[in-house]
Amino acid sequence: MQERYWGMHPDKNRALMHTKRMMPEFVCDAVNLEGLNFTIPEIQTLLEGITVGVIIC
């Protein structure tokens, strides 16, 4: 099956690769909308399952 507008074939593996690559940025945007100040490296660390120490002032 070929997409009609762009003329591209669907590629599930490539779509998953791009989604996994963009996940920290999606999470960072959502977290910042909630008013929490986390950086992308901190979010990448959290997504790997490692706890990040947060200092509350």
Protein backbone atom coordinates (compact mmCIF):
# COMPACT_ATOMS: atom_id res chain seq x y z
CA MET A 1 0.00 0.00 0.00
CA GLN A 2 1.35 3.39 -0.94
CA GLU A 3 0.27 6.66 0.63
CA ARG A 4 -1.32 8.84 -2.06
CA TYR A 5 -0.35 12.39 -1.06
CA TRP A 6 3.36 11.94 -0.35
CA GLY A 7 3.89 8.80 -2.42
CA MET A 8 5.62 6.95 0.44
CA HIS A 9 5.41 3.35 1.60
CA PRO A 10 4.58 2.82 5.30
CA ASP A 11 7.63 1.85 7.36
CA LYS A 12 6.72 0.79 10.91
CA ASN A 13 10.32 0.32 12.07
CA ARG A 14 11.31 3.80 10.93
CA ALA A 15 8.25 5.35 12.60
CA LEU A 16 9.12 3.61 15.88
CA MET A 17 12.73 4.77 15.63
CA HIS A 18 11.66 8.40 15.21
CA THR A 19 9.14 8.14 18.03
CA LYS A 20 11.72 6.69 20.45
CA ARG A 21 14.19 9.40 19.45
CA MET A 22 11.67 12.21 20.04
CA MET A 23 10.19 10.83 23.30
CA PRO A 24 12.39 12.90 25.67
CA GLU A 25 11.41 16.09 23.84
CA PHE A 26 7.69 15.22 23.97
CA VAL A 27 7.96 14.53 27.70
CA CYS A 28 10.00 17.71 28.27
CA ASP A 29 7.33 19.83 26.56
CA ALA A 30 4.56 18.22 28.63
CA VAL A 31 6.50 18.60 31.90
CA ASN A 32 7.25 22.26 31.18
CA LEU A 33 3.57 22.90 30.48
CA GLU A 34 2.88 21.56 33.98
CA GLY A 35 5.33 24.09 35.42
CA LEU A 36 8.08 21.63 36.38
CA ASN A 37 11.63 22.60 35.47
CA PHE A 38 13.31 19.49 34.10
CA THR A 39 15.95 19.53 31.38
CA ILE A 40 16.08 17.08 28.48
CA PRO A 41 19.14 15.25 29.94
CA GLU A 42 17.26 14.82 33.25
CA ILE A 43 14.24 13.44 31.40
CA GLN A 44 16.42 11.06 29.38
CA THR A 45 17.88 9.80 32.65
CA LEU A 46 14.39 9.31 34.11
CA LEU A 47 13.22 7.43 31.03
CA GLU A 48 16.18 5.07 31.45
CA GLY A 49 14.90 4.27 34.94
CA ILE A 50 17.48 6.16 36.98
CA THR A 51 16.27 8.48 39.76
CA VAL A 52 17.19 12.16 39.49
CA GLY A 53 17.76 14.17 42.67
CA VAL A 54 15.64 17.31 42.76
CA ILE A 55 16.55 20.30 44.91
CA ILE A 56 13.56 22.28 46.17
CA CYS A 57 14.37 25.89 47.00
